[in-house]
Amino acid sequence: MGKFLVLSLTDHEEYILSRIMEIIAVEPGFDHIVTSHPCNTLVFPGLELRLKERTVYRNSELISMTRREFATLVYLAKHPFWVFSAGQIYEEVWGEDGENCGTAVAFVPKINANPVYNGG
């Protein structure tokens, strides 16, 4: 006989549901399960973006980000496999001309588990 699990979660606890769904999704007996995440949480392998809380977790560890870094990451996460120039990202996140954006969108080392830096 099947089992049922009933959970009552607040908006701030939705990450619990996301983690449960991640675990269920990799179970071999659940080949046809449809996983859905709350629309205010974006989940990728090893990375979770909680939009309402404006927080990022890499492997369950909180990653400190500025408001603009978070907005940049969310923009990229909502457009997987798209390729953007730094100027395009700057225009979308800052709402200004991205022609001279410089390194304004360089935040990847914060979410990369093994960051590689160029230069000395």
PDB file of N, CA and C in Angstrom:
ATOM      1  N   MET A   1       0.845  -1.175   0.000  1.00  0.00           N
ATOM      2  CA  MET A   1       0.000   0.000   0.000  1.00  0.00           C
ATOM      3  C   MET A   1       0.891   1.239   0.000  1.00  0.00           C
ATOM      4  N   GLY A   2       0.456   2.264  -0.715  1.00  0.00           N
ATOM      5  CA  GLY A   2       1.207   3.507  -0.807  1.00  0.00           C
ATOM      6  C   GLY A   2       1.144   4.307   0.481  1.00  0.00           C
ATOM      7  N   LYS A   3       2.031   5.207   0.606  1.00  0.00           N
ATOM      8  CA  LYS A   3       2.104   6.089   1.770  1.00  0.00           C
ATOM      9  C   LYS A   3       1.864   7.522   1.310  1.00  0.00           C
ATOM     10  N   PHE A   4       1.305   8.313   2.204  1.00  0.00           N
ATOM     11  CA  PHE A   4       1.065   9.723   1.926  1.00  0.00           C
ATOM     12  C   PHE A   4       1.818  10.565   2.932  1.00  0.00           C
ATOM     13  N   LEU A   5       2.289  11.679   2.485  1.00  0.00           N
ATOM     14  CA  LEU A   5       2.966  12.628   3.353  1.00  0.00           C
ATOM     15  C   LEU A   5       2.311  13.982   3.135  1.00  0.00           C
ATOM     16  N   VAL A   6       1.829  14.571   4.206  1.00  0.00           N
ATOM     17  CA  VAL A   6       1.200  15.883   4.117  1.00  0.00           C
ATOM     18  C   VAL A   6       2.073  16.867   4.877  1.00  0.00           C
ATOM     19  N   LEU A   7       2.460  17.940   4.194  1.00  0.00           N
ATOM     20  CA  LEU A   7       3.293  18.972   4.804  1.00  0.00           C
ATOM     21  C   LEU A   7       2.586  20.312   4.715  1.00  0.00           C
ATOM     22  N   SER A   8       2.734  21.082   5.741  1.00  0.00           N
ATOM     23  CA  SER A   8       2.262  22.460   5.721  1.00  0.00           C
ATOM     24  C   SER A   8       3.485  23.343   5.913  1.00  0.00           C
ATOM     25  N   LEU A   9       3.811  24.106   4.874  1.00  0.00           N
ATOM     26  CA  LEU A   9       5.027  24.909   4.901  1.00  0.00           C
ATOM     27  C   LEU A   9       4.704  26.381   4.690  1.00  0.00           C
ATOM     28  N   THR A  10       5.438  27.228   5.371  1.00  0.00           N
ATOM     29  CA  THR A  10       5.310  28.661   5.140  1.00  0.00           C
ATOM     30  C   THR A  10       6.162  29.026   3.931  1.00  0.00           C
ATOM     31  N   ASP A  11       6.040  30.260   3.453  1.00  0.00           N
ATOM     32  CA  ASP A  11       6.846  30.702   2.317  1.00  0.00           C
ATOM     33  C   ASP A  11       8.335  30.592   2.613  1.00  0.00           C
ATOM     34  N   HIS A  12       8.727  30.826   3.851  1.00  0.00           N
ATOM     35  CA  HIS A  12      10.142  30.782   4.213  1.00  0.00           C
ATOM     36  C   HIS A  12      10.661  29.355   4.359  1.00  0.00           C
ATOM     37  N   GLU A  13       9.778  28.377   4.331  1.00  0.00           N
ATOM     38  CA  GLU A  13      10.187  26.979   4.481  1.00  0.00           C
ATOM     39  C   GLU A  13      10.095  26.202   3.170  1.00  0.00           C
ATOM     40  N   GLU A  14       9.826  26.880   2.066  1.00  0.00           N
ATOM     41  CA  GLU A  14       9.657  26.194   0.789  1.00  0.00           C
ATOM     42  C   GLU A  14      10.917  25.462   0.349  1.00  0.00           C
ATOM     43  N   TYR A  15      12.053  25.898   0.854  1.00  0.00           N
ATOM     44  CA  TYR A  15      13.298  25.213   0.498  1.00  0.00           C
ATOM     45  C   TYR A  15      13.256  23.752   0.963  1.00  0.00           C
ATOM     46  N   ILE A  16      12.496  23.465   2.024  1.00  0.00           N
ATOM     47  CA  ILE A  16      12.369  22.084   2.512  1.00  0.00           C
ATOM     48  C   ILE A  16      11.718  21.227   1.433  1.00  0.00           C
ATOM     49  N   LEU A  17      10.650  21.736   0.832  1.00  0.00           N
ATOM     50  CA  LEU A  17       9.982  21.011  -0.243  1.00  0.00           C
ATOM     51  C   LEU A  17      10.930  20.815  -1.424  1.00  0.00           C
ATOM     52  N   SER A  18      11.694  21.833  -1.751  1.00  0.00           N
ATOM     53  CA  SER A  18      12.651  21.722  -2.856  1.00  0.00           C
ATOM     54  C   SER A  18      13.659  20.614  -2.595  1.00  0.00           C
ATOM     55  N   ARG A  19      14.151  20.541  -1.378  1.00  0.00           N
ATOM     56  CA  ARG A  19      15.141  19.506  -1.048  1.00  0.00           C
ATOM     57  C   ARG A  19      14.517  18.113  -1.086  1.00  0.00           C
ATOM     58  N   ILE A  20      13.284  17.985  -0.590  1.00  0.00           N
ATOM     59  CA  ILE A  20      12.587  16.693  -0.635  1.00  0.00           C
ATOM     60  C   ILE A  20      12.401  16.256  -2.084  1.00  0.00           C
ATOM     61  N   MET A  21      11.985  17.194  -2.946  1.00  0.00           N
ATOM     62  CA  MET A  21      11.757  16.864  -4.346  1.00  0.00           C
ATOM     63  C   MET A  21      13.063  16.485  -5.046  1.00  0.00           C
ATOM     64  N   GLU A  22      14.174  17.108  -4.673  1.00  0.00           N
ATOM     65  CA  GLU A  22      15.475  16.738  -5.243  1.00  0.00           C
ATOM     66  C   GLU A  22      15.812  15.292  -4.905  1.00  0.00           C
ATOM     67  N   ILE A  23      15.569  14.908  -3.659  1.00  0.00           N
ATOM     68  CA  ILE A  23      15.870  13.543  -3.214  1.00  0.00           C
ATOM     69  C   ILE A  23      14.983  12.539  -3.933  1.00  0.00           C
ATOM     70  N   ILE A  24      13.691  12.836  -4.026  1.00  0.00           N
ATOM     71  CA  ILE A  24      12.753  11.932  -4.689  1.00  0.00           C
ATOM     72  C   ILE A  24      13.097  11.796  -6.172  1.00  0.00           C
ATOM     73  N   ALA A  25      13.502  12.893  -6.797  1.00  0.00           N
ATOM     74  CA  ALA A  25      13.768  12.888  -8.237  1.00  0.00           C
ATOM     75  C   ALA A  25      14.889  11.931  -8.628  1.00  0.00           C
ATOM     76  N   VAL A  26      15.836  11.671  -7.743  1.00  0.00           N
ATOM     77  CA  VAL A  26      16.947  10.781  -8.093  1.00  0.00           C
ATOM     78  C   VAL A  26      16.699   9.329  -7.689  1.00  0.00           C
ATOM     79  N   GLU A  27      15.572   9.054  -7.070  1.00  0.00           N
ATOM     80  CA  GLU A  27      15.241   7.679  -6.692  1.00  0.00           C
ATOM     81  C   GLU A  27      14.823   6.891  -7.929  1.00  0.00           C
ATOM     82  N   PRO A  28      15.409   5.716  -8.152  1.00  0.00           N
ATOM     83  CA  PRO A  28      15.097   4.951  -9.361  1.00  0.00           C
ATOM     84  C   PRO A  28      13.639   4.508  -9.454  1.00  0.00           C
ATOM     85  N   GLY A  29      12.959   4.318  -8.360  1.00  0.00           N
ATOM     86  CA  GLY A  29      11.565   3.871  -8.383  1.00  0.00           C
ATOM     87  C   GLY A  29      10.573   4.955  -8.758  1.00  0.00           C
ATOM     88  N   PHE A  30      11.029   6.177  -8.900  1.00  0.00           N
ATOM     89  CA  PHE A  30      10.148   7.291  -9.214  1.00  0.00           C
ATOM     90  C   PHE A  30      10.457   7.835 -10.608  1.00  0.00           C
ATOM     91  N   ASP A  31      10.473   6.943 -11.591  1.00  0.00           N
ATOM     92  CA  ASP A  31      10.844   7.348 -12.944  1.00  0.00           C
ATOM     93  C   ASP A  31       9.912   8.391 -13.550  1.00  0.00           C
ATOM     94  N   HIS A  32       8.651   8.371 -13.172  1.00  0.00           N
ATOM     95  CA  HIS A  32       7.678   9.237 -13.834  1.00  0.00           C
ATOM     96  C   HIS A  32       7.172  10.355 -12.942  1.00  0.00           C
ATOM     97  N   ILE A  33       7.885  10.626 -11.887  1.00  0.00           N
ATOM     98  CA  ILE A  33       7.446  11.700 -10.999  1.00  0.00           C
ATOM     99  C   ILE A  33       7.695  13.048 -11.675  1.00  0.00           C
ATOM    100  N   VAL A  34       6.772  13.946 -11.518  1.00  0.00           N
ATOM    101  CA  VAL A  34       6.924  15.291 -12.051  1.00  0.00           C
ATOM    102  C   VAL A  34       7.400  16.163 -10.907  1.00  0.00           C
ATOM    103  N   THR A  35       8.594  16.688 -11.059  1.00  0.00           N
ATOM    104  CA  THR A  35       9.114  17.548 -10.008  1.00  0.00           C
ATOM    105  C   THR A  35       8.813  18.991 -10.355  1.00  0.00           C
ATOM    106  N   SER A  36       8.292  19.675  -9.401  1.00  0.00           N
ATOM    107  CA  SER A  36       8.056  21.102  -9.594  1.00  0.00           C
ATOM    108  C   SER A  36       8.533  21.812  -8.349  1.00  0.00           C
ATOM    109  N   HIS A  37       9.068  22.963  -8.562  1.00  0.00           N
ATOM    110  CA  HIS A  37       9.563  23.759  -7.456  1.00  0.00           C
ATOM    111  C   HIS A  37       8.697  24.995  -7.343  1.00  0.00           C
ATOM    112  N   PRO A  38       8.563  25.517  -6.156  1.00  0.00           N
ATOM    113  CA  PRO A  38       7.793  26.742  -6.022  1.00  0.00           C
ATOM    114  C   PRO A  38       8.361  27.802  -6.964  1.00  0.00           C
ATOM    115  N   CYS A  39       7.479  28.632  -7.500  1.00  0.00           N
ATOM    116  CA  CYS A  39       7.924  29.607  -8.496  1.00  0.00           C
ATOM    117  C   CYS A  39       8.896  30.625  -7.913  1.00  0.00           C
ATOM    118  N   ASN A  40       9.030  30.657  -6.595  1.00  0.00           N
ATOM    119  CA  ASN A  40       9.969  31.607  -6.005  1.00  0.00           C
ATOM    120  C   ASN A  40      11.267  30.934  -5.572  1.00  0.00           C
ATOM    121  N   THR A  41      11.519  29.727  -6.085  1.00  0.00           N
ATOM    122  CA  THR A  41      12.774  29.029  -5.820  1.00  0.00           C
ATOM    123  C   THR A  41      13.279  28.431  -7.127  1.00  0.00           C
ATOM    124  N   LEU A  42      14.526  28.706  -7.453  1.00  0.00           N
ATOM    125  CA  LEU A  42      15.157  28.101  -8.622  1.00  0.00           C
ATOM    126  C   LEU A  42      16.194  27.112  -8.111  1.00  0.00           C
ATOM    127  N   VAL A  43      16.098  25.869  -8.574  1.00  0.00           N
ATOM    128  CA  VAL A  43      16.978  24.820  -8.069  1.00  0.00           C
ATOM    129  C   VAL A  43      17.739  24.187  -9.226  1.00  0.00           C
ATOM    130  N   PHE A  44      19.045  24.095  -9.052  1.00  0.00           N
ATOM    131  CA  PHE A  44      19.941  23.439  -9.986  1.00  0.00           C
ATOM    132  C   PHE A  44      20.811  22.494  -9.166  1.00  0.00           C
ATOM    133  N   PRO A  45      21.458  21.515  -9.782  1.00  0.00           N
ATOM    134  CA  PRO A  45      22.310  20.617  -9.000  1.00  0.00           C
ATOM    135  C   PRO A  45      23.353  21.398  -8.196  1.00  0.00           C
ATOM    136  N   GLY A  46      23.258  21.305  -6.892  1.00  0.00           N
ATOM    137  CA  GLY A  46      24.201  21.967  -6.001  1.00  0.00           C
ATOM    138  C   GLY A  46      23.969  23.451  -5.801  1.00  0.00           C
ATOM    139  N   LEU A  47      22.918  24.010  -6.404  1.00  0.00           N
ATOM    140  CA  LEU A  47      22.676  25.448  -6.312  1.00  0.00           C
ATOM    141  C   LEU A  47      21.186  25.719  -6.149  1.00  0.00           C
ATOM    142  N   GLU A  48      20.846  26.545  -5.173  1.00  0.00           N
ATOM    143  CA  GLU A  48      19.448  26.895  -4.918  1.00  0.00           C
ATOM    144  C   GLU A  48      19.333  28.403  -4.742  1.00  0.00           C
ATOM    145  N   LEU A  49      18.428  29.008  -5.509  1.00  0.00           N
ATOM    146  CA  LEU A  49      18.175  30.442  -5.427  1.00  0.00           C
ATOM    147  C   LEU A  49      16.781  30.647  -4.848  1.00  0.00           C
ATOM    148  N   ARG A  50      16.712  31.269  -3.700  1.00  0.00           N
ATOM    149  CA  ARG A  50      15.430  31.556  -3.049  1.00  0.00           C
ATOM    150  C   ARG A  50      15.082  33.012  -3.328  1.00  0.00           C
ATOM    151  N   LEU A  51      14.154  33.200  -4.262  1.00  0.00           N
ATOM    152  CA  LEU A  51      13.879  34.531  -4.775  1.00  0.00           C
ATOM    153  C   LEU A  51      13.270  35.464  -3.738  1.00  0.00           C
ATOM    154  N   LYS A  52      12.318  34.980  -2.960  1.00  0.00           N
ATOM    155  CA  LYS A  52      11.697  35.842  -1.943  1.00  0.00           C
ATOM    156  C   LYS A  52      12.697  36.266  -0.878  1.00  0.00           C
ATOM    157  N   GLU A  53      13.542  35.353  -0.483  1.00  0.00           N
ATOM    158  CA  GLU A  53      14.536  35.637   0.560  1.00  0.00           C
ATOM    159  C   GLU A  53      15.775  36.336  -0.002  1.00  0.00           C
ATOM    160  N   ARG A  54      15.931  36.315  -1.320  1.00  0.00           N
ATOM    161  CA  ARG A  54      17.126  36.854  -1.987  1.00  0.00           C
ATOM    162  C   ARG A  54      18.399  36.201  -1.443  1.00  0.00           C
ATOM    163  N   THR A  55      18.361  34.870  -1.378  1.00  0.00           N
ATOM    164  CA  THR A  55      19.515  34.126  -0.881  1.00  0.00           C
ATOM    165  C   THR A  55      19.921  33.056  -1.889  1.00  0.00           C
ATOM    166  N   VAL A  56      21.189  32.687  -1.830  1.00  0.00           N
ATOM    167  CA  VAL A  56      21.749  31.656  -2.698  1.00  0.00           C
ATOM    168  C   VAL A  56      22.455  30.635  -1.821  1.00  0.00           C
ATOM    169  N   TYR A  57      22.204  29.362  -2.087  1.00  0.00           N
ATOM    170  CA  TYR A  57      22.864  28.277  -1.369  1.00  0.00           C
ATOM    171  C   TYR A  57      23.594  27.409  -2.377  1.00  0.00           C
ATOM    172  N   ARG A  58      24.878  27.173  -2.124  1.00  0.00           N
ATOM    173  CA  ARG A  58      25.668  26.239  -2.916  1.00  0.00           C
ATOM    174  C   ARG A  58      25.973  25.060  -2.014  1.00  0.00           C
ATOM    175  N   ASN A  59      25.489  23.889  -2.389  1.00  0.00           N
ATOM    176  CA  ASN A  59      25.660  22.681  -1.576  1.00  0.00           C
ATOM    177  C   ASN A  59      25.232  22.945  -0.134  1.00  0.00           C
ATOM    178  N   SER A  60      24.085  23.565   0.030  1.00  0.00           N
ATOM    179  CA  SER A  60      23.447  23.869   1.320  1.00  0.00           C
ATOM    180  C   SER A  60      24.176  24.930   2.136  1.00  0.00           C
ATOM    181  N   GLU A  61      25.194  25.575   1.575  1.00  0.00           N
ATOM    182  CA  GLU A  61      25.899  26.656   2.274  1.00  0.00           C
ATOM    183  C   GLU A  61      25.455  27.996   1.709  1.00  0.00           C
ATOM    184  N   LEU A  62      25.122  28.929   2.596  1.00  0.00           N
ATOM    185  CA  LEU A  62      24.704  30.260   2.186  1.00  0.00           C
ATOM    186  C   LEU A  62      25.873  30.995   1.535  1.00  0.00           C
ATOM    187  N   ILE A  63      25.624  31.573   0.366  1.00  0.00           N
ATOM    188  CA  ILE A  63      26.620  32.365  -0.349  1.00  0.00           C
ATOM    189  C   ILE A  63      26.207  33.828  -0.239  1.00  0.00           C
ATOM    190  N   SER A  64      27.085  34.645   0.288  1.00  0.00           N
ATOM    191  CA  SER A  64      26.808  36.070   0.438  1.00  0.00           C
ATOM    192  C   SER A  64      26.926  36.759  -0.917  1.00  0.00           C
ATOM    193  N   MET A  65      25.890  37.515  -1.293  1.00  0.00           N
ATOM    194  CA  MET A  65      25.895  38.231  -2.564  1.00  0.00           C
ATOM    195  C   MET A  65      25.287  39.606  -2.386  1.00  0.00           C
ATOM    196  N   THR A  66      25.752  40.541  -3.195  1.00  0.00           N
ATOM    197  CA  THR A  66      25.127  41.858  -3.213  1.00  0.00           C
ATOM    198  C   THR A  66      23.801  41.751  -3.962  1.00  0.00           C
ATOM    199  N   ARG A  67      23.023  42.797  -3.882  1.00  0.00           N
ATOM    200  CA  ARG A  67      21.724  42.817  -4.562  1.00  0.00           C
ATOM    201  C   ARG A  67      21.916  42.659  -6.071  1.00  0.00           C
ATOM    202  N   ARG A  68      22.894  43.333  -6.631  1.00  0.00           N
ATOM    203  CA  ARG A  68      23.134  43.264  -8.083  1.00  0.00           C
ATOM    204  C   ARG A  68      23.687  41.902  -8.499  1.00  0.00           C
ATOM    205  N   GLU A  69      24.554  41.332  -7.692  1.00  0.00           N
ATOM    206  CA  GLU A  69      25.064  39.991  -7.995  1.00  0.00           C
ATOM    207  C   GLU A  69      23.920  38.990  -8.005  1.00  0.00           C
ATOM    208  N   PHE A  70      23.037  39.100  -7.015  1.00  0.00           N
ATOM    209  CA  PHE A  70      21.893  38.196  -6.945  1.00  0.00           C
ATOM    210  C   PHE A  70      21.000  38.384  -8.171  1.00  0.00           C
ATOM    211  N   ALA A  71      20.714  39.623  -8.533  1.00  0.00           N
ATOM    212  CA  ALA A  71      19.865  39.902  -9.694  1.00  0.00           C
ATOM    213  C   ALA A  71      20.489  39.348 -10.973  1.00  0.00           C
ATOM    214  N   THR A  72      21.802  39.453 -11.088  1.00  0.00           N
ATOM    215  CA  THR A  72      22.503  38.922 -12.253  1.00  0.00           C
ATOM    216  C   THR A  72      22.384  37.406 -12.306  1.00  0.00           C
ATOM    217  N   LEU A  73      22.599  36.759 -11.186  1.00  0.00           N
ATOM    218  CA  LEU A  73      22.499  35.303 -11.132  1.00  0.00           C
ATOM    219  C   LEU A  73      21.086  34.835 -11.464  1.00  0.00           C
ATOM    220  N   VAL A  74      20.080  35.500 -10.923  1.00  0.00           N
ATOM    221  CA  VAL A  74      18.689  35.136 -11.209  1.00  0.00           C
ATOM    222  C   VAL A  74      18.395  35.302 -12.702  1.00  0.00           C
ATOM    223  N   TYR A  75      18.857  36.404 -13.272  1.00  0.00           N
ATOM    224  CA  TYR A  75      18.639  36.642 -14.706  1.00  0.00           C
ATOM    225  C   TYR A  75      19.232  35.503 -15.532  1.00  0.00           C
ATOM    226  N   LEU A  76      20.455  35.109 -15.212  1.00  0.00           N
ATOM    227  CA  LEU A  76      21.099  34.021 -15.947  1.00  0.00           C
ATOM    228  C   LEU A  76      20.402  32.685 -15.695  1.00  0.00           C
ATOM    229  N   ALA A  77      19.983  32.448 -14.460  1.00  0.00           N
ATOM    230  CA  ALA A  77      19.320  31.186 -14.119  1.00  0.00           C
ATOM    231  C   ALA A  77      17.975  31.047 -14.819  1.00  0.00           C
ATOM    232  N   LYS A  78      17.314  32.158 -15.061  1.00  0.00           N
ATOM    233  CA  LYS A  78      16.016  32.122 -15.744  1.00  0.00           C
ATOM    234  C   LYS A  78      16.166  31.978 -17.258  1.00  0.00           C
ATOM    235  N   HIS A  79      17.381  32.047 -17.745  1.00  0.00           N
ATOM    236  CA  HIS A  79      17.654  31.907 -19.177  1.00  0.00           C
ATOM    237  C   HIS A  79      18.748  30.856 -19.406  1.00  0.00           C
ATOM    238  N   PRO A  80      18.508  29.613 -18.989  1.00  0.00           N
ATOM    239  CA  PRO A  80      19.558  28.597 -19.142  1.00  0.00           C
ATOM    240  C   PRO A  80      19.904  28.376 -20.618  1.00  0.00           C
ATOM    241  N   PHE A  81      21.173  28.173 -20.858  1.00  0.00           N
ATOM    242  CA  PHE A  81      21.735  27.890 -22.177  1.00  0.00           C
ATOM    243  C   PHE A  81      21.737  29.101 -23.111  1.00  0.00           C
ATOM    244  N   TRP A  82      21.304  30.265 -22.631  1.00  0.00           N
ATOM    245  CA  TRP A  82      21.387  31.475 -23.437  1.00  0.00           C
ATOM    246  C   TRP A  82      22.789  32.045 -23.272  1.00  0.00           C
ATOM    247  N   VAL A  83      23.250  32.752 -24.276  1.00  0.00           N
ATOM    248  CA  VAL A  83      24.555  33.399 -24.213  1.00  0.00           C
ATOM    249  C   VAL A  83      24.333  34.908 -24.256  1.00  0.00           C
ATOM    250  N   PHE A  84      24.886  35.612 -23.265  1.00  0.00           N
ATOM    251  CA  PHE A  84      24.757  37.062 -23.179  1.00  0.00           C
ATOM    252  C   PHE A  84      26.143  37.688 -23.107  1.00  0.00           C
ATOM    253  N   SER A  85      26.251  38.878 -23.646  1.00  0.00           N
ATOM    254  CA  SER A  85      27.481  39.641 -23.440  1.00  0.00           C
ATOM    255  C   SER A  85      27.378  40.309 -22.073  1.00  0.00           C
ATOM    256  N   ALA A  86      28.515  40.747 -21.540  1.00  0.00           N
ATOM    257  CA  ALA A  86      28.497  41.464 -20.261  1.00  0.00           C
ATOM    258  C   ALA A  86      27.638  42.715 -20.378  1.00  0.00           C
ATOM    259  N   GLY A  87      27.690  43.367 -21.530  1.00  0.00           N
ATOM    260  CA  GLY A  87      26.883  44.567 -21.744  1.00  0.00           C
ATOM    261  C   GLY A  87      25.394  44.286 -21.698  1.00  0.00           C
ATOM    262  N   GLN A  88      24.963  43.175 -22.289  1.00  0.00           N
ATOM    263  CA  GLN A  88      23.544  42.809 -22.264  1.00  0.00           C
ATOM    264  C   GLN A  88      23.075  42.530 -20.839  1.00  0.00           C
ATOM    265  N   ILE A  89      23.895  41.823 -20.080  1.00  0.00           N
ATOM    266  CA  ILE A  89      23.538  41.530 -18.686  1.00  0.00           C
ATOM    267  C   ILE A  89      23.458  42.828 -17.895  1.00  0.00           C
ATOM    268  N   TYR A  90      24.424  43.695 -18.093  1.00  0.00           N
ATOM    269  CA  TYR A  90      24.453  44.974 -17.384  1.00  0.00           C
ATOM    270  C   TYR A  90      23.204  45.792 -17.699  1.00  0.00           C
ATOM    271  N   GLU A  91      22.830  45.852 -18.959  1.00  0.00           N
ATOM    272  CA  GLU A  91      21.638  46.604 -19.348  1.00  0.00           C
ATOM    273  C   GLU A  91      20.387  46.041 -18.684  1.00  0.00           C
ATOM    274  N   GLU A  92      20.286  44.721 -18.618  1.00  0.00           N
ATOM    275  CA  GLU A  92      19.101  44.100 -18.019  1.00  0.00           C
ATOM    276  C   GLU A  92      19.049  44.314 -16.514  1.00  0.00           C
ATOM    277  N   VAL A  93      20.154  44.127 -15.824  1.00  0.00           N
ATOM    278  CA  VAL A  93      20.172  44.187 -14.360  1.00  0.00           C
ATOM    279  C   VAL A  93      20.251  45.622 -13.848  1.00  0.00           C
ATOM    280  N   TRP A  94      21.107  46.434 -14.451  1.00  0.00           N
ATOM    281  CA  TRP A  94      21.293  47.812 -13.981  1.00  0.00           C
ATOM    282  C   TRP A  94      20.312  48.783 -14.632  1.00  0.00           C
ATOM    283  N   GLY A  95      19.777  48.391 -15.801  1.00  0.00           N
ATOM    284  CA  GLY A  95      18.862  49.274 -16.508  1.00  0.00           C
ATOM    285  C   GLY A  95      19.564  50.463 -17.145  1.00  0.00           C
ATOM    286  N   GLU A  96      20.849  50.320 -17.416  1.00  0.00           N
ATOM    287  CA  GLU A  96      21.643  51.389 -18.021  1.00  0.00           C
ATOM    288  C   GLU A  96      22.385  50.835 -19.233  1.00  0.00           C
ATOM    289  N   ASP A  97      22.928  51.746 -20.035  1.00  0.00           N
ATOM    290  CA  ASP A  97      23.699  51.350 -21.202  1.00  0.00           C
ATOM    291  C   ASP A  97      24.881  50.488 -20.768  1.00  0.00           C
ATOM    292  N   GLY A  98      25.024  49.334 -21.380  1.00  0.00           N
ATOM    293  CA  GLY A  98      26.068  48.399 -20.981  1.00  0.00           C
ATOM    294  C   GLY A  98      27.364  48.527 -21.738  1.00  0.00           C
ATOM    295  N   GLU A  99      27.522  49.596 -22.501  1.00  0.00           N
ATOM    296  CA  GLU A  99      28.715  49.745 -23.331  1.00  0.00           C
ATOM    297  C   GLU A  99      30.006  49.765 -22.515  1.00  0.00           C
ATOM    298  N   ASN A 100      29.987  50.392 -21.350  1.00  0.00           N
ATOM    299  CA  ASN A 100      31.190  50.501 -20.518  1.00  0.00           C
ATOM    300  C   ASN A 100      30.983  49.840 -19.159  1.00  0.00           C
ATOM    301  N   CYS A 101      30.464  48.628 -19.170  1.00  0.00           N
ATOM    302  CA  CYS A 101      30.114  47.971 -17.903  1.00  0.00           C
ATOM    303  C   CYS A 101      31.321  47.447 -17.141  1.00  0.00           C
ATOM    304  N   GLY A 102      32.469  47.281 -17.795  1.00  0.00           N
ATOM    305  CA  GLY A 102      33.672  46.808 -17.112  1.00  0.00           C
ATOM    306  C   GLY A 102      33.467  45.432 -16.500  1.00  0.00           C
ATOM    307  N   THR A 103      33.823  45.301 -15.223  1.00  0.00           N
ATOM    308  CA  THR A 103      33.705  44.014 -14.525  1.00  0.00           C
ATOM    309  C   THR A 103      32.487  43.974 -13.619  1.00  0.00           C
ATOM    310  N   ALA A 104      31.499  44.792 -13.900  1.00  0.00           N
ATOM    311  CA  ALA A 104      30.322  44.889 -13.034  1.00  0.00           C
ATOM    312  C   ALA A 104      29.575  43.572 -12.888  1.00  0.00           C
ATOM    313  N   VAL A 105      29.672  42.679 -13.857  1.00  0.00           N
ATOM    314  CA  VAL A 105      28.932  41.424 -13.784  1.00  0.00           C
ATOM    315  C   VAL A 105      29.829  40.232 -13.466  1.00  0.00           C
ATOM    316  N   ALA A 106      31.015  40.467 -12.957  1.00  0.00           N
ATOM    317  CA  ALA A 106      31.963  39.392 -12.643  1.00  0.00           C
ATOM    318  C   ALA A 106      31.766  38.919 -11.210  1.00  0.00           C
ATOM    319  N   PHE A 107      30.906  37.920 -11.010  1.00  0.00           N
ATOM    320  CA  PHE A 107      30.650  37.383  -9.677  1.00  0.00           C
ATOM    321  C   PHE A 107      30.789  35.873  -9.638  1.00  0.00           C
ATOM    322  N   VAL A 108      31.128  35.251 -10.735  1.00  0.00           N
ATOM    323  CA  VAL A 108      31.165  33.793 -10.836  1.00  0.00           C
ATOM    324  C   VAL A 108      31.985  33.128  -9.741  1.00  0.00           C
ATOM    325  N   PRO A 109      33.139  33.687  -9.296  1.00  0.00           N
ATOM    326  CA  PRO A 109      33.894  33.006  -8.239  1.00  0.00           C
ATOM    327  C   PRO A 109      33.088  32.768  -6.957  1.00  0.00           C
ATOM    328  N   LYS A 110      32.066  33.553  -6.703  1.00  0.00           N
ATOM    329  CA  LYS A 110      31.276  33.352  -5.490  1.00  0.00           C
ATOM    330  C   LYS A 110      30.468  32.063  -5.535  1.00  0.00           C
ATOM    331  N   ILE A 111      30.070  31.619  -6.732  1.00  0.00           N
ATOM    332  CA  ILE A 111      29.259  30.406  -6.813  1.00  0.00           C
ATOM    333  C   ILE A 111      30.030  29.210  -7.334  1.00  0.00           C
ATOM    334  N   ASN A 112      31.224  29.428  -7.852  1.00  0.00           N
ATOM    335  CA  ASN A 112      32.046  28.352  -8.369  1.00  0.00           C
ATOM    336  C   ASN A 112      32.775  27.673  -7.214  1.00  0.00           C
ATOM    337  N   ALA A 113      32.619  26.376  -7.091  1.00  0.00           N
ATOM    338  CA  ALA A 113      33.254  25.636  -5.996  1.00  0.00           C
ATOM    339  C   ALA A 113      34.776  25.681  -6.081  1.00  0.00           C
ATOM    340  N   ASN A 114      35.322  25.747  -7.289  1.00  0.00           N
ATOM    341  CA  ASN A 114      36.766  25.793  -7.498  1.00  0.00           C
ATOM    342  C   ASN A 114      37.094  26.938  -8.448  1.00  0.00           C
ATOM    343  N   PRO A 115      37.041  28.178  -7.966  1.00  0.00           N
ATOM    344  CA  PRO A 115      37.263  29.306  -8.870  1.00  0.00           C
ATOM    345  C   PRO A 115      38.678  29.339  -9.432  1.00  0.00           C
ATOM    346  N   VAL A 116      38.781  29.724 -10.686  1.00  0.00           N
ATOM    347  CA  VAL A 116      40.063  29.874 -11.348  1.00  0.00           C
ATOM    348  C   VAL A 116      40.185  31.340 -11.731  1.00  0.00           C
ATOM    349  N   TYR A 117      41.250  31.975 -11.289  1.00  0.00           N
ATOM    350  CA  TYR A 117      41.458  33.387 -11.563  1.00  0.00           C
ATOM    351  C   TYR A 117      42.525  33.545 -12.631  1.00  0.00           C
ATOM    352  N   ASN A 118      42.299  34.469 -13.544  1.00  0.00           N
ATOM    353  CA  ASN A 118      43.292  34.766 -14.578  1.00  0.00           C
ATOM    354  C   ASN A 118      44.183  35.884 -14.086  1.00  0.00           C
ATOM    355  N   GLY A 119      45.426  35.823 -14.442  1.00  0.00           N
ATOM    356  CA  GLY A 119      46.340  36.896 -14.064  1.00  0.00           C
ATOM    357  C   GLY A 119      47.055  36.584 -12.766  1.00  0.00           C
ATOM    358  N   GLY A 120      47.786  37.579 -12.274  1.00  0.00           N
ATOM    359  CA  GLY A 120      48.636  37.358 -11.124  1.00  0.00           C
ATOM    360  C   GLY A 120      48.029  37.754  -9.872  1.00  0.00           C
TER     361      GLY A 120
END
